[in-house]
Protein backbone atom coordinates (compact mmCIF):
# COMPACT_ATOMS: atom_id res chain seq x y z
CA MET A 1 -9.86 12.10 9.19
CA LYS A 2 -10.16 8.93 7.11
CA LYS A 3 -12.78 8.81 4.41
CA SER A 4 -15.72 6.44 4.97
CA VAL A 5 -15.12 4.88 1.54
CA GLN A 6 -11.86 3.12 0.78
CA LYS A 7 -10.68 1.13 -2.21
CA VAL A 8 -8.40 -1.78 -1.51
CA GLY A 9 -6.23 -2.32 -4.54
CA MET A 10 -3.14 -4.14 -5.75
CA GLU A 11 -0.49 -1.85 -4.25
CA GLN A 12 -1.90 -2.20 -0.73
CA LEU A 13 -2.05 -5.95 -1.08
CA ARG A 14 1.54 -6.08 -2.31
CA SER A 15 2.95 -3.84 0.37
CA CYS A 16 1.00 -5.30 3.33
CA HIS A 17 3.31 -3.69 5.87
CA GLY A 18 6.49 -5.01 4.31
CA GLN A 19 5.45 -8.65 4.05
CA GLY A 20 6.24 -10.67 0.92
CA THR A 21 3.52 -11.35 -1.60
CA SER A 22 2.70 -14.96 -2.42
CA ALA A 23 1.40 -16.19 -5.77
CA GLU A 24 -1.99 -16.64 -4.11
CA GLU A 25 -1.99 -13.03 -2.93
CA LEU A 26 -1.01 -11.75 -6.36
CA GLN A 27 -3.88 -13.67 -7.90
CA ASP A 28 -6.16 -12.25 -5.21
CA SER A 29 -5.04 -8.69 -5.95
CA GLN A 30 -5.89 -9.05 -9.61
CA ILE A 31 -9.58 -9.60 -8.92
CA SER A 32 -11.76 -6.58 -9.73
CA GLU A 33 -11.38 -3.67 -7.35
CA VAL A 34 -13.17 -3.99 -4.05
CA VAL A 35 -14.84 -1.03 -2.32
CA ILE A 36 -15.54 -0.89 1.41
CA LYS A 37 -17.90 1.70 2.81
CA LYS A 38 -20.18 2.35 5.76
CA ALA A 39 -23.45 0.46 5.68
CA GLN A 40 -26.72 2.31 5.25
CA ALA A 41 -30.22 1.35 6.41
CA GLY A 42 -31.15 0.41 2.85
CA ASP A 43 -28.39 -2.21 2.83
CA LEU A 44 -30.06 -4.29 5.57
CA PRO A 45 -31.95 -6.79 3.38
CA ARG A 46 -28.76 -7.84 1.58
CA ILE A 47 -26.78 -7.79 4.85
CA LEU A 48 -29.29 -10.20 6.40
CA GLU A 49 -28.95 -12.48 3.36
CA ILE A 50 -25.17 -12.58 3.83
CA TYR A 51 -25.50 -13.48 7.52
CA ALA A 52 -28.04 -16.20 6.67
CA TYR A 53 -25.52 -17.69 4.23
CA ALA A 54 -22.75 -17.41 6.85
CA ARG A 55 -24.85 -19.25 9.48
CA LYS A 56 -25.50 -22.11 7.06
CA PHE A 57 -21.82 -22.26 6.14
CA MET A 58 -20.82 -22.40 9.81
CA LYS A 59 -23.20 -25.27 10.49
CA ARG A 60 -21.98 -27.12 7.41
CA THR A 61 -18.34 -26.79 8.49
CA GLY A 62 -18.72 -27.96 12.10
CA ASN A 63 -19.46 -24.66 13.85
CA PRO A 64 -23.20 -24.67 14.65
CA ASN A 65 -23.04 -22.83 17.97
CA GLN A 66 -21.25 -19.52 17.32
CA TRP A 67 -24.21 -17.86 15.61
CA LYS A 68 -27.59 -19.31 16.50
CA GLU A 69 -30.70 -18.61 14.44
CA ASN A 70 -31.07 -14.94 13.43
CA ALA A 71 -27.69 -13.95 14.87
CA PRO A 72 -26.46 -11.30 14.66
CA GLN A 73 -29.86 -9.82 15.42
CA LYS A 74 -31.32 -7.14 13.18
CA GLU A 75 -31.52 -4.73 16.11
CA VAL A 76 -27.77 -5.07 16.71
CA LEU A 77 -27.04 -4.37 13.05
CA GLU A 78 -29.35 -1.34 13.05
CA ALA A 79 -27.50 0.01 16.10
CA ASP A 80 -24.18 -0.60 14.32
CA ILE A 81 -25.41 1.37 11.32
CA ARG A 82 -26.57 4.28 13.49
CA ALA A 83 -23.18 4.30 15.22
CA GLY A 84 -21.35 4.32 11.86
CA GLN A 85 -19.45 1.14 12.68
CA LEU A 86 -20.95 -1.39 10.26
CA TYR A 87 -19.23 -1.68 6.88
CA VAL A 88 -20.13 -3.44 3.65
CA VAL A 89 -17.76 -4.87 1.06
CA ARG A 90 -18.71 -4.45 -2.60
CA GLN A 91 -17.24 -5.90 -5.75
CA GLU A 92 -18.55 -4.97 -9.19
CA ASN A 93 -21.37 -3.09 -7.42
CA ARG A 94 -22.53 -6.23 -5.58
CA MET A 95 -22.40 -6.52 -1.80
CA THR A 96 -20.28 -9.54 -0.92
CA GLY A 97 -19.34 -9.02 2.72
CA VAL A 98 -20.12 -7.19 5.94
CA PHE A 99 -18.32 -6.50 9.23
CA ALA A 100 -18.29 -4.18 12.21
CA LEU A 101 -15.22 -2.19 13.25
CA VAL A 102 -15.76 -0.88 16.76
CA ILE A 103 -13.09 1.53 17.98
CA GLY A 104 -12.74 1.83 21.74
CA LYS A 105 -12.82 -0.48 24.74
CA ASP A 106 -14.84 -3.67 24.39
CA PRO A 107 -16.26 -4.68 27.80
CA THR A 108 -15.92 -8.39 26.99
CA TYR A 109 -12.15 -7.88 26.65
CA ALA A 110 -11.68 -6.41 30.13
CA GLN A 111 -10.79 -9.84 31.51
CA ILE A 112 -8.65 -12.34 29.61
CA GLU A 113 -7.67 -15.80 30.81
CA GLN A 114 -4.86 -18.17 29.86
CA GLY A 115 -2.80 -15.33 28.46
CA ALA A 116 -2.58 -11.55 28.19
CA TRP A 117 -3.12 -8.74 25.72
CA ILE A 118 -0.09 -7.39 23.87
CA SER A 119 -0.99 -3.74 24.28
CA GLU A 120 -3.51 -1.66 26.24
CA SER A 121 -3.45 1.24 23.78
CA GLU A 122 -6.65 2.27 21.98
CA TYR A 123 -7.84 -0.49 19.67
CA GLY A 124 -10.50 -1.42 17.18
CA THR A 125 -12.41 -4.70 17.41
CA LEU A 126 -13.59 -6.65 14.39
CA HIS A 127 -17.02 -8.15 14.98
CA ARG A 128 -19.69 -9.86 12.88
CA VAL A 129 -17.42 -10.63 9.92
CA ALA A 130 -19.28 -12.47 7.14
CA GLY A 131 -19.18 -12.98 3.39
CA ASP A 132 -21.36 -14.57 0.74
CA GLY A 133 -18.65 -16.98 -0.36
CA THR A 134 -17.98 -15.36 -3.74
CA VAL A 135 -14.82 -13.32 -3.00
CA HIS A 136 -11.44 -14.88 -2.33
CA GLY A 137 -9.37 -12.99 0.27
CA LEU A 138 -12.31 -11.13 1.81
CA PHE A 139 -10.94 -11.19 5.35
CA ARG A 140 -7.55 -9.96 4.15
CA ARG A 141 -9.22 -6.95 2.56
CA ILE A 142 -11.17 -6.26 5.75
CA VAL A 143 -8.00 -6.34 7.85
CA LEU A 144 -6.14 -4.01 5.47
CA PHE A 145 -9.03 -1.57 5.51
CA SER A 146 -9.28 -1.67 9.31
CA GLU A 147 -5.54 -1.12 9.76
CA GLU A 148 -5.91 2.13 7.83
CA LYS A 149 -8.44 3.24 10.43
CA ILE A 150 -6.48 2.10 13.48
CA GLY A 151 -3.21 0.20 13.76
CA HIS A 152 -4.21 -1.87 16.79
CA LEU A 153 -6.85 -4.55 16.23
CA ARG A 154 -8.52 -7.25 18.28
CA ILE A 155 -10.86 -10.05 17.28
CA ASP A 156 -12.30 -13.22 18.79
CA THR A 157 -13.89 -16.39 17.49
CA HIS A 158 -15.46 -19.64 18.63
CA ALA A 159 -13.31 -22.71 19.35
CA ASP A 160 -15.26 -24.61 16.68
CA ASN A 161 -14.60 -22.00 13.99
CA HIS A 162 -11.38 -23.51 12.68
CA ILE A 163 -11.63 -21.71 9.35
CA MET A 164 -11.73 -18.29 11.01
CA GLN A 165 -8.93 -19.21 13.40
CA HIS A 166 -6.75 -20.04 10.39
CA LEU A 167 -7.62 -16.78 8.62
CA ILE A 168 -6.96 -14.69 11.72
CA LEU A 169 -3.50 -16.15 12.26
CA LYS A 170 -2.71 -15.99 8.53
CA ASN A 171 -3.39 -12.24 8.62
CA GLY A 172 -0.85 -11.49 11.32
CA PHE A 173 -2.86 -11.71 14.54
CA GLU A 174 -1.46 -13.39 17.64
CA GLN A 175 -3.52 -15.64 19.88
CA CYS A 176 -3.66 -13.99 23.31
CA GLY A 177 -6.00 -16.05 25.49
CA ILE A 178 -9.65 -16.74 26.28
CA ILE A 179 -12.39 -14.18 26.83
CA HIS A 180 -16.06 -14.58 27.73
CA ILE A 181 -18.81 -12.83 25.81
CA ALA A 182 -22.05 -11.49 27.31
CA ASP A 183 -23.76 -14.91 27.52
CA GLY A 184 -20.74 -16.36 29.36
CA SER A 185 -19.49 -18.56 26.52
CA GLU A 186 -15.79 -18.70 25.71
CA ARG A 187 -14.06 -17.21 22.71
CA ILE A 188 -10.45 -17.37 21.56
CA ALA A 189 -9.03 -13.84 21.55
CA TYR A 190 -6.47 -12.45 19.12
CA GLU A 191 -4.61 -9.17 18.71
CA LYS A 192 -2.56 -7.43 16.02
CA VAL A 193 -0.48 -4.33 16.70
CA VAL A 194 0.80 -2.57 13.59
CA SER A 195 1.10 0.85 15.19
CA VAL A 196 -0.26 2.54 18.30
CA ALA A 197 -1.48 6.09 18.84
CA SER A 198 1.11 8.32 20.45
C-alpha cells in the first residue's frame, strides 16, 4: 500500500517515465522539496483561501464560469477529506496547493462525445486542482504523485480554461472528447495511461 505522504524530489522529476528533462524542469526540480499528503479537517481554512485565490485568478485570465462563487463548496471538500481523497501540497511547511484524487468510476465520465476514452481500466480522476500561485510546476508535481498511486488518470476542464488545457497536455495527457458534468455544462476530457492494473 502506498504511504499517504510522498515527497516529490529531483530524481522523480528527472526520470518522469523516461522523458527528457528540459532546462525549465531542472530549475523546477531544484526548488525546495515539496511534500504532498492527505488533507485534514484543520487544513480547511487555508484550503478555502487557496480556492478563493484560484477563483480570482480564473476570472482575471478569462475563465469566470468554471468555478462560481464559493466553488468548490466547503461541504464537498469536507466529504473529500472524510473519504481520504483530498490532498494538500506543502513547500517549506506552507500549504501552496490542493487537489482531489478520486480512484474509481466517475459517473460524469460514463458518456463521452466527440471522441472516446483510451482505456476502460480502473482510473483515478484529478478534480479541484488549485494553487496559491507561489510554486512553479505545481501541476507537474501533482501528476507525478498521482501516477504513483495509479497509472491511469483522467481529468477535465472548462473550454475557457486555456492555462489548464496547456498544462494538461504538457504533462502527457491526451484530449479524448467532451463530457457533461452534473449541471449539464460541457468539459473537455483528457486521459493519461502510464500503466494499467493487471
